[in-house]
Amino acid sequence: MGSEEIAFGRKKDIIEYYEKSRWGYRLFWFRDDDLAMHYGFWGSRTKSLHEALLNENRFLADKARIIEGEYVLDAGCGVGII
């Protein structure tokens, strides 16, 4: 089996996972106030998923040196809301 076959097989697995789990995420995980579908960064003082998601966003913005007023294109993550 070549690397292209392995990559294609993995892609199919990923697509299948999100197709099967999409509605569960939307019902139990997705929130309109943060538009995120991931686990976030939890610390000892983090009390909610919303806080964990904001922690991760702040961390990533700091690492990317994004400053207030700049725009960021988030392509390929989340639940596809524009």
PDB file of N, CA and C in Angstrom:
ATOM      1  N   MET A   1       0.858  -1.175   0.000  1.00  0.00           N
ATOM      2  CA  MET A   1       0.000   0.000   0.000  1.00  0.00           C
ATOM      3  C   MET A   1       0.900   1.233   0.000  1.00  0.00           C
ATOM      4  N   GLY A   2       0.675   2.147  -0.943  1.00  0.00           N
ATOM      5  CA  GLY A   2       1.479   3.357  -1.040  1.00  0.00           C
ATOM      6  C   GLY A   2       0.989   4.440  -0.100  1.00  0.00           C
ATOM      7  N   SER A   3       1.803   5.483   0.047  1.00  0.00           N
ATOM      8  CA  SER A   3       1.442   6.568   0.959  1.00  0.00           C
ATOM      9  C   SER A   3       0.174   7.293   0.516  1.00  0.00           C
ATOM     10  N   GLU A   4      -0.068   7.371  -0.796  1.00  0.00           N
ATOM     11  CA  GLU A   4      -1.295   8.015  -1.271  1.00  0.00           C
ATOM     12  C   GLU A   4      -2.528   7.229  -0.843  1.00  0.00           C
ATOM     13  N   GLU A   5      -2.438   5.896  -0.873  1.00  0.00           N
ATOM     14  CA  GLU A   5      -3.572   5.064  -0.443  1.00  0.00           C
ATOM     15  C   GLU A   5      -3.816   5.231   1.050  1.00  0.00           C
ATOM     16  N   ILE A   6      -2.744   5.300   1.831  1.00  0.00           N
ATOM     17  CA  ILE A   6      -2.880   5.483   3.277  1.00  0.00           C
ATOM     18  C   ILE A   6      -3.508   6.842   3.564  1.00  0.00           C
ATOM     19  N   ALA A   7      -3.010   7.887   2.892  1.00  0.00           N
ATOM     20  CA  ALA A   7      -3.544   9.230   3.106  1.00  0.00           C
ATOM     21  C   ALA A   7      -5.022   9.284   2.728  1.00  0.00           C
ATOM     22  N   PHE A   8      -5.396   8.663   1.618  1.00  0.00           N
ATOM     23  CA  PHE A   8      -6.795   8.667   1.200  1.00  0.00           C
ATOM     24  C   PHE A   8      -7.658   7.916   2.208  1.00  0.00           C
ATOM     25  N   GLY A   9      -7.178   6.780   2.691  1.00  0.00           N
ATOM     26  CA  GLY A   9      -7.916   6.021   3.696  1.00  0.00           C
ATOM     27  C   GLY A   9      -8.125   6.827   4.960  1.00  0.00           C
ATOM     28  N   ARG A  10      -7.112   7.561   5.380  1.00  0.00           N
ATOM     29  CA  ARG A  10      -7.206   8.397   6.575  1.00  0.00           C
ATOM     30  C   ARG A  10      -8.211   9.528   6.347  1.00  0.00           C
ATOM     31  N   LYS A  11      -8.171  10.117   5.176  1.00  0.00           N
ATOM     32  CA  LYS A  11      -9.105  11.195   4.852  1.00  0.00           C
ATOM     33  C   LYS A  11     -10.541  10.688   4.930  1.00  0.00           C
ATOM     34  N   LYS A  12     -10.788   9.496   4.398  1.00  0.00           N
ATOM     35  CA  LYS A  12     -12.129   8.916   4.461  1.00  0.00           C
ATOM     36  C   LYS A  12     -12.562   8.708   5.907  1.00  0.00           C
ATOM     37  N   ASP A  13     -11.636   8.248   6.771  1.00  0.00           N
ATOM     38  CA  ASP A  13     -11.955   8.045   8.187  1.00  0.00           C
ATOM     39  C   ASP A  13     -12.342   9.360   8.858  1.00  0.00           C
ATOM     40  N   ILE A  14     -11.598  10.412   8.550  1.00  0.00           N
ATOM     41  CA  ILE A  14     -11.866  11.718   9.152  1.00  0.00           C
ATOM     42  C   ILE A  14     -13.224  12.242   8.695  1.00  0.00           C
ATOM     43  N   ILE A  15     -13.487  12.143   7.412  1.00  0.00           N
ATOM     44  CA  ILE A  15     -14.783  12.594   6.881  1.00  0.00           C
ATOM     45  C   ILE A  15     -15.920  11.811   7.529  1.00  0.00           C
ATOM     46  N   GLU A  16     -15.760  10.514   7.617  1.00  0.00           N
ATOM     47  CA  GLU A  16     -16.797   9.670   8.222  1.00  0.00           C
ATOM     48  C   GLU A  16     -17.034  10.044   9.684  1.00  0.00           C
ATOM     49  N   TYR A  17     -15.946  10.301  10.431  1.00  0.00           N
ATOM     50  CA  TYR A  17     -16.078  10.682  11.837  1.00  0.00           C
ATOM     51  C   TYR A  17     -16.932  11.948  11.976  1.00  0.00           C
ATOM     52  N   TYR A  18     -16.596  12.984  11.201  1.00  0.00           N
ATOM     53  CA  TYR A  18     -17.329  14.239  11.327  1.00  0.00           C
ATOM     54  C   TYR A  18     -18.751  14.140  10.796  1.00  0.00           C
ATOM     55  N   GLU A  19     -18.971  13.332   9.780  1.00  0.00           N
ATOM     56  CA  GLU A  19     -20.341  13.140   9.299  1.00  0.00           C
ATOM     57  C   GLU A  19     -21.195  12.453  10.357  1.00  0.00           C
ATOM     58  N   LYS A  20     -20.625  11.475  11.049  1.00  0.00           N
ATOM     59  CA  LYS A  20     -21.382  10.745  12.075  1.00  0.00           C
ATOM     60  C   LYS A  20     -21.566  11.561  13.351  1.00  0.00           C
ATOM     61  N   SER A  21     -20.606  12.402  13.697  1.00  0.00           N
ATOM     62  CA  SER A  21     -20.650  13.095  14.985  1.00  0.00           C
ATOM     63  C   SER A  21     -21.155  14.532  14.898  1.00  0.00           C
ATOM     64  N   ARG A  22     -21.377  15.038  13.696  1.00  0.00           N
ATOM     65  CA  ARG A  22     -21.746  16.446  13.511  1.00  0.00           C
ATOM     66  C   ARG A  22     -22.950  16.851  14.356  1.00  0.00           C
ATOM     67  N   TRP A  23     -24.020  16.081  14.308  1.00  0.00           N
ATOM     68  CA  TRP A  23     -25.232  16.490  15.025  1.00  0.00           C
ATOM     69  C   TRP A  23     -25.056  16.394  16.532  1.00  0.00           C
ATOM     70  N   GLY A  24     -24.298  15.420  16.997  1.00  0.00           N
ATOM     71  CA  GLY A  24     -24.006  15.355  18.426  1.00  0.00           C
ATOM     72  C   GLY A  24     -23.236  16.572  18.902  1.00  0.00           C
ATOM     73  N   TYR A  25     -22.237  16.979  18.124  1.00  0.00           N
ATOM     74  CA  TYR A  25     -21.488  18.193  18.457  1.00  0.00           C
ATOM     75  C   TYR A  25     -22.413  19.406  18.485  1.00  0.00           C
ATOM     76  N   ARG A  26     -23.252  19.514  17.480  1.00  0.00           N
ATOM     77  CA  ARG A  26     -24.129  20.690  17.412  1.00  0.00           C
ATOM     78  C   ARG A  26     -25.126  20.708  18.576  1.00  0.00           C
ATOM     79  N   LEU A  27     -25.610  19.565  18.994  1.00  0.00           N
ATOM     80  CA  LEU A  27     -26.585  19.518  20.085  1.00  0.00           C
ATOM     81  C   LEU A  27     -25.961  19.750  21.453  1.00  0.00           C
ATOM     82  N   PHE A  28     -24.780  19.170  21.695  1.00  0.00           N
ATOM     83  CA  PHE A  28     -24.236  19.149  23.048  1.00  0.00           C
ATOM     84  C   PHE A  28     -22.956  19.955  23.237  1.00  0.00           C
ATOM     85  N   TRP A  29     -22.305  20.383  22.181  1.00  0.00           N
ATOM     86  CA  TRP A  29     -20.986  21.004  22.309  1.00  0.00           C
ATOM     87  C   TRP A  29     -20.982  22.420  21.766  1.00  0.00           C
ATOM     88  N   PHE A  30     -21.629  22.656  20.641  1.00  0.00           N
ATOM     89  CA  PHE A  30     -21.568  23.939  19.938  1.00  0.00           C
ATOM     90  C   PHE A  30     -22.337  25.012  20.684  1.00  0.00           C
ATOM     91  N   ARG A  31     -21.742  26.188  20.758  1.00  0.00           N
ATOM     92  CA  ARG A  31     -22.391  27.325  21.415  1.00  0.00           C
ATOM     93  C   ARG A  31     -22.351  28.523  20.474  1.00  0.00           C
ATOM     94  N   ASP A  32     -23.434  29.265  20.414  1.00  0.00           N
ATOM     95  CA  ASP A  32     -23.498  30.437  19.539  1.00  0.00           C
ATOM     96  C   ASP A  32     -22.542  31.545  19.966  1.00  0.00           C
ATOM     97  N   ASP A  33     -22.163  31.601  21.249  1.00  0.00           N
ATOM     98  CA  ASP A  33     -21.333  32.711  21.714  1.00  0.00           C
ATOM     99  C   ASP A  33     -19.841  32.527  21.453  1.00  0.00           C
ATOM    100  N   ASP A  34     -19.389  31.336  21.086  1.00  0.00           N
ATOM    101  CA  ASP A  34     -17.966  31.194  20.766  1.00  0.00           C
ATOM    102  C   ASP A  34     -17.712  30.494  19.435  1.00  0.00           C
ATOM    103  N   LEU A  35     -18.734  29.935  18.809  1.00  0.00           N
ATOM    104  CA  LEU A  35     -18.639  29.327  17.475  1.00  0.00           C
ATOM    105  C   LEU A  35     -17.458  28.373  17.353  1.00  0.00           C
ATOM    106  N   ALA A  36     -17.214  27.581  18.375  1.00  0.00           N
ATOM    107  CA  ALA A  36     -16.066  26.681  18.369  1.00  0.00           C
ATOM    108  C   ALA A  36     -16.516  25.248  18.587  1.00  0.00           C
ATOM    109  N   MET A  37     -15.751  24.339  18.044  1.00  0.00           N
ATOM    110  CA  MET A  37     -16.046  22.922  18.203  1.00  0.00           C
ATOM    111  C   MET A  37     -14.732  22.196  18.492  1.00  0.00           C
ATOM    112  N   HIS A  38     -14.165  22.486  19.645  1.00  0.00           N
ATOM    113  CA  HIS A  38     -12.959  21.801  20.084  1.00  0.00           C
ATOM    114  C   HIS A  38     -12.925  21.835  21.604  1.00  0.00           C
ATOM    115  N   TYR A  39     -11.890  21.304  22.197  1.00  0.00           N
ATOM    116  CA  TYR A  39     -11.870  21.097  23.642  1.00  0.00           C
ATOM    117  C   TYR A  39     -11.373  22.301  24.430  1.00  0.00           C
ATOM    118  N   GLY A  40     -10.560  23.153  23.832  1.00  0.00           N
ATOM    119  CA  GLY A  40     -10.040  24.314  24.542  1.00  0.00           C
ATOM    120  C   GLY A  40      -8.869  23.966  25.442  1.00  0.00           C
ATOM    121  N   PHE A  41      -8.375  24.976  26.161  1.00  0.00           N
ATOM    122  CA  PHE A  41      -7.275  24.796  27.118  1.00  0.00           C
ATOM    123  C   PHE A  41      -7.834  24.978  28.523  1.00  0.00           C
ATOM    124  N   TRP A  42      -7.717  23.932  29.320  1.00  0.00           N
ATOM    125  CA  TRP A  42      -8.227  23.951  30.681  1.00  0.00           C
ATOM    126  C   TRP A  42      -7.074  24.167  31.653  1.00  0.00           C
ATOM    127  N   GLY A  43      -7.253  25.097  32.591  1.00  0.00           N
ATOM    128  CA  GLY A  43      -6.297  25.327  33.659  1.00  0.00           C
ATOM    129  C   GLY A  43      -6.974  25.091  34.993  1.00  0.00           C
ATOM    130  N   SER A  44      -6.237  25.273  36.074  1.00  0.00           N
ATOM    131  CA  SER A  44      -6.801  25.009  37.404  1.00  0.00           C
ATOM    132  C   SER A  44      -7.958  25.953  37.742  1.00  0.00           C
ATOM    133  N   ARG A  45      -8.014  27.124  37.122  1.00  0.00           N
ATOM    134  CA  ARG A  45      -9.086  28.091  37.398  1.00  0.00           C
ATOM    135  C   ARG A  45     -10.187  28.099  36.336  1.00  0.00           C
ATOM    136  N   THR A  46     -10.062  27.282  35.315  1.00  0.00           N
ATOM    137  CA  THR A  46     -11.055  27.242  34.236  1.00  0.00           C
ATOM    138  C   THR A  46     -12.310  26.539  34.739  1.00  0.00           C
ATOM    139  N   LYS A  47     -13.451  27.215  34.595  1.00  0.00           N
ATOM    140  CA  LYS A  47     -14.697  26.677  35.149  1.00  0.00           C
ATOM    141  C   LYS A  47     -15.692  26.192  34.101  1.00  0.00           C
ATOM    142  N   SER A  48     -15.457  26.514  32.833  1.00  0.00           N
ATOM    143  CA  SER A  48     -16.445  26.131  31.819  1.00  0.00           C
ATOM    144  C   SER A  48     -15.763  25.906  30.473  1.00  0.00           C
ATOM    145  N   LEU A  49     -16.482  25.241  29.586  1.00  0.00           N
ATOM    146  CA  LEU A  49     -15.978  25.039  28.228  1.00  0.00           C
ATOM    147  C   LEU A  49     -15.761  26.387  27.548  1.00  0.00           C
ATOM    148  N   HIS A  50     -16.678  27.318  27.749  1.00  0.00           N
ATOM    149  CA  HIS A  50     -16.542  28.645  27.144  1.00  0.00           C
ATOM    150  C   HIS A  50     -15.212  29.290  27.553  1.00  0.00           C
ATOM    151  N   GLU A  51     -14.871  29.239  28.839  1.00  0.00           N
ATOM    152  CA  GLU A  51     -13.594  29.785  29.306  1.00  0.00           C
ATOM    153  C   GLU A  51     -12.417  29.044  28.681  1.00  0.00           C
ATOM    154  N   ALA A  52     -12.517  27.723  28.572  1.00  0.00           N
ATOM    155  CA  ALA A  52     -11.438  26.927  27.979  1.00  0.00           C
ATOM    156  C   ALA A  52     -11.221  27.307  26.518  1.00  0.00           C
ATOM    157  N   LEU A  53     -12.305  27.561  25.799  1.00  0.00           N
ATOM    158  CA  LEU A  53     -12.192  27.967  24.397  1.00  0.00           C
ATOM    159  C   LEU A  53     -11.547  29.342  24.279  1.00  0.00           C
ATOM    160  N   LEU A  54     -11.935  30.265  25.155  1.00  0.00           N
ATOM    161  CA  LEU A  54     -11.312  31.591  25.147  1.00  0.00           C
ATOM    162  C   LEU A  54      -9.833  31.498  25.509  1.00  0.00           C
ATOM    163  N   ASN A  55      -9.487  30.625  26.453  1.00  0.00           N
ATOM    164  CA  ASN A  55      -8.077  30.421  26.811  1.00  0.00           C
ATOM    165  C   ASN A  55      -7.268  29.985  25.597  1.00  0.00           C
ATOM    166  N   GLU A  56      -7.809  29.042  24.839  1.00  0.00           N
ATOM    167  CA  GLU A  56      -7.095  28.560  23.657  1.00  0.00           C
ATOM    168  C   GLU A  56      -6.974  29.658  22.605  1.00  0.00           C
ATOM    169  N   ASN A  57      -8.043  30.408  22.393  1.00  0.00           N
ATOM    170  CA  ASN A  57      -7.986  31.503  21.424  1.00  0.00           C
ATOM    171  C   ASN A  57      -6.937  32.538  21.817  1.00  0.00           C
ATOM    172  N   ARG A  58      -6.885  32.897  23.107  1.00  0.00           N
ATOM    173  CA  ARG A  58      -5.877  33.861  23.574  1.00  0.00           C
ATOM    174  C   ARG A  58      -4.471  33.317  23.381  1.00  0.00           C
ATOM    175  N   PHE A  59      -4.272  32.056  23.740  1.00  0.00           N
ATOM    176  CA  PHE A  59      -2.958  31.425  23.598  1.00  0.00           C
ATOM    177  C   PHE A  59      -2.499  31.456  22.140  1.00  0.00           C
ATOM    178  N   LEU A  60      -3.379  31.040  21.235  1.00  0.00           N
ATOM    179  CA  LEU A  60      -3.023  31.009  19.814  1.00  0.00           C
ATOM    180  C   LEU A  60      -2.780  32.410  19.263  1.00  0.00           C
ATOM    181  N   ALA A  61      -3.584  33.381  19.686  1.00  0.00           N
ATOM    182  CA  ALA A  61      -3.379  34.765  19.241  1.00  0.00           C
ATOM    183  C   ALA A  61      -2.037  35.295  19.734  1.00  0.00           C
ATOM    184  N   ASP A  62      -1.684  34.976  20.979  1.00  0.00           N
ATOM    185  CA  ASP A  62      -0.380  35.395  21.510  1.00  0.00           C
ATOM    186  C   ASP A  62       0.760  34.760  20.728  1.00  0.00           C
ATOM    187  N   LYS A  63       0.661  33.464  20.470  1.00  0.00           N
ATOM    188  CA  LYS A  63       1.720  32.756  19.734  1.00  0.00           C
ATOM    189  C   LYS A  63       1.876  33.299  18.314  1.00  0.00           C
ATOM    190  N   ALA A  64       0.760  33.677  17.691  1.00  0.00           N
ATOM    191  CA  ALA A  64       0.795  34.198  16.320  1.00  0.00           C
ATOM    192  C   ALA A  64       1.075  35.704  16.289  1.00  0.00           C
ATOM    193  N   ARG A  65       1.190  36.306  17.477  1.00  0.00           N
ATOM    194  CA  ARG A  65       1.436  37.751  17.610  1.00  0.00           C
ATOM    195  C   ARG A  65       0.347  38.582  16.925  1.00  0.00           C
ATOM    196  N   ILE A  66      -0.878  38.137  17.101  1.00  0.00           N
ATOM    197  CA  ILE A  66      -2.029  38.867  16.564  1.00  0.00           C
ATOM    198  C   ILE A  66      -2.377  39.963  17.561  1.00  0.00           C
ATOM    199  N   ILE A  67      -2.528  41.176  17.069  1.00  0.00           N
ATOM    200  CA  ILE A  67      -2.849  42.284  17.963  1.00  0.00           C
ATOM    201  C   ILE A  67      -4.256  42.797  17.681  1.00  0.00           C
ATOM    202  N   GLU A  68      -4.793  43.528  18.655  1.00  0.00           N
ATOM    203  CA  GLU A  68      -6.150  44.057  18.535  1.00  0.00           C
ATOM    204  C   GLU A  68      -6.283  44.886  17.263  1.00  0.00           C
ATOM    205  N   GLY A  69      -7.375  44.667  16.546  1.00  0.00           N
ATOM    206  CA  GLY A  69      -7.638  45.395  15.318  1.00  0.00           C
ATOM    207  C   GLY A  69      -7.240  44.643  14.061  1.00  0.00           C
ATOM    208  N   GLU A  70      -6.424  43.603  14.200  1.00  0.00           N
ATOM    209  CA  GLU A  70      -6.047  42.796  13.042  1.00  0.00           C
ATOM    210  C   GLU A  70      -7.148  41.784  12.752  1.00  0.00           C
ATOM    211  N   TYR A  71      -7.210  41.352  11.508  1.00  0.00           N
ATOM    212  CA  TYR A  71      -8.175  40.344  11.086  1.00  0.00           C
ATOM    213  C   TYR A  71      -7.459  39.026  10.841  1.00  0.00           C
ATOM    214  N   VAL A  72      -8.144  37.931  11.158  1.00  0.00           N
ATOM    215  CA  VAL A  72      -7.587  36.595  10.986  1.00  0.00           C
ATOM    216  C   VAL A  72      -8.589  35.751  10.210  1.00  0.00           C
ATOM    217  N   LEU A  73      -8.111  35.056   9.203  1.00  0.00           N
ATOM    218  CA  LEU A  73      -8.953  34.116   8.471  1.00  0.00           C
ATOM    219  C   LEU A  73      -8.769  32.737   9.090  1.00  0.00           C
ATOM    220  N   ASP A  74      -9.832  32.192   9.638  1.00  0.00           N
ATOM    221  CA  ASP A  74      -9.822  30.847  10.207  1.00  0.00           C
ATOM    222  C   ASP A  74     -10.428  29.927   9.160  1.00  0.00           C
ATOM    223  N   ALA A  75      -9.589  29.282   8.396  1.00  0.00           N
ATOM    224  CA  ALA A  75     -10.062  28.458   7.280  1.00  0.00           C
ATOM    225  C   ALA A  75      -9.941  26.978   7.622  1.00  0.00           C
ATOM    226  N   GLY A  76     -11.060  26.297   7.642  1.00  0.00           N
ATOM    227  CA  GLY A  76     -11.031  24.854   7.802  1.00  0.00           C
ATOM    228  C   GLY A  76     -11.232  24.340   9.206  1.00  0.00           C
ATOM    229  N   CYS A  77     -11.751  25.151  10.107  1.00  0.00           N
ATOM    230  CA  CYS A  77     -11.975  24.685  11.476  1.00  0.00           C
ATOM    231  C   CYS A  77     -13.411  24.983  11.888  1.00  0.00           C
ATOM    232  N   GLY A  78     -13.883  24.273  12.870  1.00  0.00           N
ATOM    233  CA  GLY A  78     -15.194  24.563  13.424  1.00  0.00           C
ATOM    234  C   GLY A  78     -16.327  23.911  12.656  1.00  0.00           C
ATOM    235  N   VAL A  79     -17.478  24.542  12.729  1.00  0.00           N
ATOM    236  CA  VAL A  79     -18.688  23.948  12.180  1.00  0.00           C
ATOM    237  C   VAL A  79     -19.153  24.612  10.891  1.00  0.00           C
ATOM    238  N   GLY A  80     -18.330  25.434  10.296  1.00  0.00           N
ATOM    239  CA  GLY A  80     -18.655  26.006   9.001  1.00  0.00           C
ATOM    240  C   GLY A  80     -19.591  27.193   9.026  1.00  0.00           C
ATOM    241  N   ILE A  81     -19.601  27.935  10.110  1.00  0.00           N
ATOM    242  CA  ILE A  81     -20.462  29.112  10.203  1.00  0.00           C
ATOM    243  C   ILE A  81     -19.702  30.330   9.707  1.00  0.00           C
ATOM    244  N   ILE A  82     -20.343  31.125   8.904  1.00  0.00           N
ATOM    245  CA  ILE A  82     -19.709  32.342   8.377  1.00  0.00           C
ATOM    246  C   ILE A  82     -20.335  33.541   9.048  1.00  0.00           C
TER     247      ILE A  82
END
